[in-house]
């Protein structure tokens, strides 16, 4: 790994690791032109059933520009997840499996071509726990792959349904890092206001889905699960007291719901140094990981500086958030 930072006096590895970034293999559109589904449009859009994606930002496929921007931001390693709009929930199961194999193999090749700078996550089918578990295990053996990205929403059984235990078990046994990412979130208040989807709907979906995992005992049954919720965990850390005050006892006991919420990992993308300090205080700095949501404008290009500016964090806590914890999860500290 190219180390643009330095190990501190506390013995931390000194690497800066961004666990929430997105990419698309540069050759994906060309490869899809020979496939009937999804359809690749001339403007960089893809059609999944009746749904067309947004135009694909060039920053998702431009590797040279990505690496240069990482250097500018002071990021040593970026964990790249597929663009969430590529979730193939509208495709027939066979077509979805073929597409995800093509996409995920391309992500693995991209990461393997830049060892020490990029690690990849494989996108999983949100509709099918068996297919999701199989793809997680298949890609876990590919060089450059650190785990998987799982859409929080979309078609399929809710993620706290027992059918999904096969995925949580597979991820736990493989030691895979799993990024839970909002997708197809509807407004909880039924409001259609520009910008509200990113501001409220996405974090609300994360809060509901991960909260259900806590309340139904999933996080207790799989204590080794390396599950990371993005956007600072939605509203979870800041409403943990409400979970404890109102929720009924969880199946099998296990303490208050907030204890289960502390089993999660959280990215640092709060857009507020004060909120980040609160998050670190709630979850512990060993459960908070640097995240920028590169390359989207809803992310934070100054994510590293936000960690540095967060008030009240000890040097060891900052080092853990910036990369120490992620290095341990991804097995990168020795590089």
Protein backbone atom coordinates (compact mmCIF):
# COMPACT_ATOMS: atom_id res chain seq x y z
CA UNK A 1 0.00 0.00 0.00
CA UNK A 2 1.25 3.45 -0.84
CA UNK A 3 1.52 5.15 2.54
CA UNK A 4 0.95 8.88 2.17
CA UNK A 5 0.55 9.19 5.94
CA UNK A 6 2.86 8.07 8.73
CA UNK A 7 2.53 5.78 11.70
CA UNK A 8 1.84 7.74 14.83
CA UNK A 9 3.49 7.51 18.25
CA UNK A 10 0.53 5.40 19.43
CA UNK A 11 1.64 2.65 17.05
CA UNK A 12 -1.25 3.04 14.61
CA UNK A 13 -0.63 1.92 11.05
CA UNK A 14 -0.89 5.44 9.64
CA UNK A 15 -2.82 4.37 6.55
CA UNK A 16 -5.88 6.38 5.50
CA UNK A 17 -8.68 4.12 4.23
CA UNK A 18 -11.94 5.31 2.67
CA UNK A 19 -14.48 2.48 2.96
CA UNK A 20 -17.37 4.20 1.17
CA UNK A 21 -16.64 5.00 -2.46
CA UNK A 22 -18.18 3.91 -5.74
CA UNK A 23 -16.86 2.76 -9.11
CA UNK A 24 -17.82 1.02 -12.32
CA UNK A 25 -15.40 -1.09 -14.41
CA UNK A 26 -14.43 0.94 -17.48
CA UNK A 27 -15.30 -1.86 -19.91
CA UNK A 28 -18.71 -2.68 -18.49
CA UNK A 29 -20.78 -0.73 -21.02
CA UNK A 30 -18.94 -2.24 -23.97
CA UNK A 31 -19.35 -5.73 -22.53
CA UNK A 32 -23.07 -5.20 -22.06
CA UNK A 33 -23.65 -4.22 -25.69
CA UNK A 34 -23.43 -7.90 -26.53
CA UNK A 35 -26.00 -8.82 -23.86
CA UNK A 36 -29.77 -8.45 -24.12
CA UNK A 37 -30.19 -7.40 -20.51
CA UNK A 38 -29.53 -4.90 -19.08
CA UNK A 39 -29.58 -2.71 -22.16
CA UNK A 40 -26.78 -0.16 -22.54
CA UNK A 41 -27.99 3.16 -23.93
CA UNK A 42 -25.92 5.56 -26.01
CA UNK A 43 -25.77 8.19 -23.24
CA UNK A 44 -24.19 5.96 -20.62
CA UNK A 45 -27.49 4.90 -19.11
CA UNK A 46 -28.51 1.30 -18.47
CA UNK A 47 -32.03 -0.07 -18.66
CA UNK A 48 -33.15 -2.59 -16.04
CA UNK A 49 -36.64 -3.63 -17.08
CA UNK A 50 -38.51 -0.34 -17.40
CA UNK A 51 -36.05 1.57 -15.21
CA UNK A 52 -33.28 3.62 -16.77
CA UNK A 53 -30.33 4.62 -14.60
CA UNK A 54 -29.05 8.15 -14.43
CA UNK A 55 -26.27 9.01 -16.91
CA UNK A 56 -23.13 7.33 -15.65
CA UNK A 57 -20.66 9.89 -14.23
CA UNK A 58 -17.25 9.63 -15.90
CA UNK A 59 -15.62 9.78 -12.48
CA UNK A 60 -16.96 6.27 -11.80
CA UNK A 61 -14.80 4.75 -14.55
CA UNK A 62 -11.75 7.07 -14.76
CA UNK A 63 -9.14 5.26 -12.70
CA UNK A 64 -6.29 7.70 -13.27
CA UNK A 65 -8.42 10.62 -12.09
CA UNK A 66 -9.56 8.58 -9.10
CA UNK A 67 -6.03 7.80 -7.97
CA UNK A 68 -4.97 11.42 -8.43
CA UNK A 69 -7.94 12.60 -6.36
CA UNK A 70 -7.12 10.06 -3.65
CA UNK A 71 -3.61 11.49 -3.49
CA UNK A 72 -5.00 15.00 -3.28
CA UNK A 73 -7.31 14.02 -0.43
CA UNK A 74 -4.63 12.06 1.41
CA UNK A 75 -6.31 8.66 0.99
CA UNK A 76 -4.06 5.61 0.73
CA UNK A 77 -6.68 2.93 0.07
CA UNK A 78 -10.19 3.20 -1.29
CA UNK A 79 -12.78 0.46 -0.94
CA UNK A 80 -14.86 0.69 -4.11
CA UNK A 81 -18.46 -0.51 -4.25
CA UNK A 82 -20.47 -0.72 -7.45
CA UNK A 83 -22.73 2.19 -8.31
CA UNK A 84 -25.91 1.32 -6.43
CA UNK A 85 -28.08 2.16 -9.46
CA UNK A 86 -26.73 -1.04 -11.01
CA UNK A 87 -28.83 -3.13 -8.62
CA UNK A 88 -30.57 -5.58 -10.99
CA UNK A 89 -33.86 -6.02 -9.15
CA UNK A 90 -35.92 -5.67 -12.32
CA UNK A 91 -34.09 -8.42 -14.24
CA UNK A 92 -35.06 -12.06 -14.44
CA UNK A 93 -33.03 -14.14 -11.96
CA UNK A 94 -30.81 -15.71 -14.62
CA UNK A 95 -30.07 -12.37 -16.24
CA UNK A 96 -29.37 -10.78 -12.85
CA UNK A 97 -26.92 -13.55 -11.95
CA UNK A 98 -25.07 -13.18 -15.26
CA UNK A 99 -24.94 -9.39 -14.94
CA UNK A 100 -23.67 -9.46 -11.37
CA UNK A 101 -20.98 -11.96 -12.29
CA UNK A 102 -19.82 -9.68 -15.12
CA UNK A 103 -19.94 -6.58 -12.91
CA UNK A 104 -18.27 -8.14 -9.88
CA UNK A 105 -15.51 -9.83 -11.87
CA UNK A 106 -14.79 -6.44 -13.45
CA UNK A 107 -14.66 -4.81 -10.01
CA UNK A 108 -12.24 -7.48 -8.81
CA UNK A 109 -10.01 -7.00 -11.86
CA UNK A 110 -10.02 -3.24 -11.28
CA UNK A 111 -8.91 -3.62 -7.68
CA UNK A 112 -6.36 -6.32 -8.44
CA UNK A 113 -4.78 -4.04 -11.05
CA UNK A 114 -4.10 -1.45 -8.33
CA UNK A 115 -3.01 -3.42 -5.26
CA UNK A 116 -2.54 -1.29 -2.19
CA UNK A 117 -4.74 1.49 -3.59
CA UNK A 118 -8.09 -0.17 -4.31
CA UNK A 119 -10.16 -2.98 -2.80
CA UNK A 120 -13.51 -4.00 -4.27
CA UNK A 121 -16.92 -4.95 -2.94
CA UNK A 122 -19.21 -7.25 -4.92
CA UNK A 123 -22.82 -6.18 -5.48
CA UNK A 124 -25.38 -8.73 -4.24
CA UNK A 125 -28.89 -9.54 -5.45
CA UNK A 126 -31.29 -8.01 -2.90
CA UNK A 127 -34.12 -10.38 -3.92
CA UNK A 128 -32.49 -13.75 -3.31
CA UNK A 129 -30.65 -14.74 -0.11
CA UNK A 130 -29.31 -17.95 -1.67
CA UNK A 131 -27.95 -16.14 -4.72
CA UNK A 132 -26.53 -13.38 -2.54
CA UNK A 133 -24.72 -15.83 -0.26
CA UNK A 134 -23.37 -17.78 -3.23
CA UNK A 135 -22.05 -14.64 -4.93
CA UNK A 136 -20.47 -13.38 -1.71
CA UNK A 137 -18.62 -16.68 -1.28
CA UNK A 138 -17.66 -16.88 -4.97
CA UNK A 139 -16.16 -13.40 -5.03
CA UNK A 140 -14.53 -13.73 -1.62
CA UNK A 141 -11.85 -15.84 -3.29
CA UNK A 142 -11.04 -13.27 -5.96
CA UNK A 143 -7.91 -11.13 -5.55
CA UNK A 144 -8.74 -7.57 -4.56
CA UNK A 145 -12.21 -8.32 -3.15
CA UNK A 146 -12.85 -7.36 0.49
CA UNK A 147 -16.53 -8.17 0.80
CA UNK A 148 -19.88 -7.11 -0.59
CA UNK A 149 -22.33 -4.27 -1.02
CA UNK A 150 -25.93 -5.09 -0.13
CA UNK A 151 -28.81 -2.78 -1.13
CA UNK A 152 -30.95 -1.97 1.88
CA UNK A 153 -34.16 -1.72 -0.16
CA UNK A 154 -35.69 -3.08 -3.32
CA UNK A 155 -37.67 -6.23 -4.06
CA UNK A 156 -37.30 -9.24 -1.81
CA UNK A 157 -37.91 -10.24 1.78
CA UNK A 158 -36.85 -7.74 4.46
CA UNK A 159 -33.28 -8.24 5.61
CA UNK A 160 -34.34 -9.28 9.11
CA UNK A 161 -36.34 -12.20 7.67
CA UNK A 162 -34.80 -15.56 8.70
CA UNK A 163 -34.22 -16.37 5.02
CA UNK A 164 -31.35 -13.87 5.08
CA UNK A 165 -29.59 -15.73 7.89
CA UNK A 166 -27.78 -17.76 5.22
CA UNK A 167 -26.13 -14.57 3.94
CA UNK A 168 -25.23 -13.31 7.44
CA UNK A 169 -23.77 -16.73 8.23
CA UNK A 170 -21.75 -16.81 5.01
CA UNK A 171 -20.41 -13.29 5.58
CA UNK A 172 -19.50 -14.08 9.18
CA UNK A 173 -17.73 -17.31 8.28
CA UNK A 174 -15.83 -15.70 5.41
CA UNK A 175 -14.92 -12.61 7.45
CA UNK A 176 -16.36 -10.44 4.68
CA UNK A 177 -16.92 -6.72 5.06
CA UNK A 178 -20.54 -5.93 4.13
CA UNK A 179 -21.61 -2.40 3.23
CA UNK A 180 -25.35 -1.81 3.69
CA UNK A 181 -26.29 0.88 1.20
CA UNK A 182 -29.64 2.67 0.73
CA UNK A 183 -31.54 1.85 -2.43
CA UNK A 184 -35.07 2.57 -3.65
CA UNK A 185 -35.97 4.43 -0.47
CA UNK A 186 -39.43 5.98 -0.42
CA UNK A 187 -40.22 9.11 1.54
CA UNK A 188 -41.41 8.02 5.00
CA UNK A 189 -43.65 11.07 5.15
CA UNK A 190 -44.88 10.73 1.56
CA UNK A 191 -43.30 14.04 0.59
CA UNK A 192 -41.84 14.81 -2.82
CA UNK A 193 -39.47 17.73 -2.27
CA UNK A 194 -36.24 18.18 -4.28
CA UNK A 195 -33.26 16.99 -2.26
CA UNK A 196 -35.33 15.35 0.47
CA UNK A 197 -34.58 11.87 -0.84
CA UNK A 198 -30.86 12.17 -0.18
CA UNK A 199 -31.30 14.22 2.98
CA UNK A 200 -34.02 12.20 4.74
CA UNK A 201 -35.23 9.16 2.80
CA UNK A 202 -31.89 7.37 2.40
CA UNK A 203 -30.81 7.71 6.05
CA UNK A 204 -34.35 6.85 7.15
CA UNK A 205 -34.16 3.61 5.19
CA UNK A 206 -30.82 2.75 6.79
CA UNK A 207 -32.28 3.50 10.21
CA UNK A 208 -35.31 1.26 9.63
CA UNK A 209 -33.44 -1.66 8.07
CA UNK A 210 -30.52 -1.76 10.51
CA UNK A 211 -32.85 -1.03 13.42
CA UNK A 212 -34.93 -4.06 12.45
CA UNK A 213 -31.78 -6.20 12.44
CA UNK A 214 -31.12 -5.06 16.00
CA UNK A 215 -34.68 -5.45 17.28
CA UNK A 216 -35.17 -8.94 15.83
CA UNK A 217 -31.93 -10.31 17.26
CA UNK A 218 -30.05 -10.74 13.96
CA UNK A 219 -27.05 -8.75 15.19
CA UNK A 220 -26.98 -10.82 18.38
CA UNK A 221 -27.07 -14.12 16.49
CA UNK A 222 -24.18 -13.08 14.24
CA UNK A 223 -21.82 -11.16 16.56
CA UNK A 224 -18.90 -11.56 14.15
CA UNK A 225 -20.73 -9.90 11.26
CA UNK A 226 -18.74 -6.99 9.82
CA UNK A 227 -21.73 -4.93 8.74
CA UNK A 228 -21.18 -1.24 8.00
CA UNK A 229 -24.00 1.28 7.67
CA UNK A 230 -23.26 4.38 5.63
CA UNK A 231 -24.07 8.09 6.04
CA UNK A 232 -23.12 7.96 9.69
CA UNK A 233 -25.68 5.23 10.32
CA UNK A 234 -28.63 7.31 9.24
CA UNK A 235 -30.44 8.38 12.40
CA UNK A 236 -29.55 5.26 14.41
CA UNK A 237 -26.87 6.65 16.78
CA UNK A 238 -28.86 9.76 17.55
CA UNK A 239 -32.10 7.89 18.35
CA UNK A 240 -30.56 4.96 20.25
CA UNK A 241 -32.16 6.20 23.45
CA UNK A 242 -35.56 6.05 21.77
CA UNK A 243 -34.91 2.46 20.71
CA UNK A 244 -34.15 1.55 24.32
CA UNK A 245 -37.09 3.49 25.76
CA UNK A 246 -39.80 2.15 23.47
CA UNK A 247 -38.75 -1.20 21.99
CA UNK A 248 -39.90 -4.43 23.52
CA UNK A 249 -37.24 -6.86 24.78
CA UNK A 250 -35.41 -8.48 21.90
CA UNK A 251 -35.77 -12.19 21.11
CA UNK A 252 -33.45 -14.14 23.35
CA UNK A 253 -32.58 -11.14 25.51
CA UNK A 254 -29.19 -9.62 24.77
CA UNK A 255 -29.61 -6.31 26.52
CA UNK A 256 -31.07 -3.06 25.24
CA UNK A 257 -31.33 -2.41 21.48
CA UNK A 258 -28.52 0.14 21.69
CA UNK A 259 -26.15 -2.69 22.61
CA UNK A 260 -26.97 -4.38 19.32
CA UNK A 261 -26.58 -1.11 17.42
CA UNK A 262 -23.03 -0.90 18.78
CA UNK A 263 -22.26 -4.17 16.97
CA UNK A 264 -22.49 -2.28 13.68
CA UNK A 265 -19.74 -0.35 11.94
CA UNK A 266 -20.53 3.20 10.84
CA UNK A 267 -18.94 5.33 8.17
CA UNK A 268 -17.92 8.87 9.12
CA UNK A 269 -20.09 10.64 6.53
CA UNK A 270 -22.09 12.91 8.86
CA UNK A 271 -21.20 16.24 7.16
CA UNK A 272 -20.61 17.63 10.65
CA UNK A 273 -17.52 17.37 12.89
CA UNK A 274 -19.77 17.65 15.95
CA UNK A 275 -22.04 14.83 14.78
CA UNK A 276 -18.99 12.72 14.02
CA UNK A 277 -17.74 13.22 17.58
CA UNK A 278 -21.15 12.14 18.88
CA UNK A 279 -21.06 9.06 16.63
CA UNK A 280 -17.61 8.09 17.88
CA UNK A 281 -18.80 8.54 21.45
CA UNK A 282 -21.84 6.34 20.85
CA UNK A 283 -20.27 3.52 18.86
CA UNK A 284 -16.67 3.88 19.97
CA UNK A 285 -13.94 5.02 17.56
CA UNK A 286 -13.16 1.36 16.82
CA UNK A 287 -16.56 1.09 15.10
CA UNK A 288 -16.31 4.22 12.94
CA UNK A 289 -14.64 4.11 9.52
CA UNK A 290 -13.72 6.91 7.13
CA UNK A 291 -16.26 7.29 4.32
CA UNK A 292 -16.55 9.91 1.57
CA UNK A 293 -19.16 8.56 -0.93
CA UNK A 294 -16.72 9.40 -3.76
CA UNK A 295 -17.39 10.63 -6.45
CA UNK A 296 -20.90 11.92 -5.77
CA UNK A 297 -21.75 15.51 -4.86
CA UNK A 298 -23.75 14.27 -1.86
CA UNK A 299 -20.49 12.97 -0.40
CA UNK A 300 -17.69 14.84 1.35
CA UNK A 301 -14.45 15.62 -0.51
CA UNK A 302 -13.01 16.81 2.81
CA UNK A 303 -13.86 13.64 4.72
CA UNK A 304 -10.31 13.27 6.05
CA UNK A 305 -10.27 16.85 7.29
CA UNK A 306 -13.66 16.31 8.95
CA UNK A 307 -12.17 13.55 11.09
CA UNK A 308 -9.20 15.72 11.97
CA UNK A 309 -11.55 18.59 12.89
CA UNK A 310 -13.98 16.53 14.99
CA UNK A 311 -13.83 17.97 18.52
CA UNK A 312 -12.81 15.91 21.50
CA UNK A 313 -11.27 12.95 19.67
CA UNK A 314 -8.01 11.63 21.07
CA UNK A 315 -5.16 11.06 18.58
CA UNK A 316 -5.62 7.29 18.84
CA UNK A 317 -9.34 7.64 18.07
CA UNK A 318 -8.64 9.76 15.00
CA UNK A 319 -6.05 7.24 13.81
CA UNK A 320 -8.56 4.42 14.24
CA UNK A 321 -11.26 6.23 12.26
CA UNK A 322 -8.91 7.36 9.51
CA UNK A 323 -7.70 3.86 8.79
CA UNK A 324 -6.48 1.82 11.73
CA UNK A 325 -9.73 -0.07 12.21
CA UNK A 326 -10.31 -0.52 8.49
CA UNK A 327 -6.79 -1.87 8.02
CA UNK A 328 -7.53 -4.54 10.59
CA UNK A 329 -10.86 -5.45 9.01
CA UNK A 330 -9.39 -5.63 5.51
CA UNK A 331 -6.11 -7.25 6.48
CA UNK A 332 -4.05 -4.36 5.12
CA UNK A 333 -1.92 -3.27 8.07
CA UNK A 334 0.93 -5.59 7.23
CA UNK A 335 1.30 -4.17 3.71
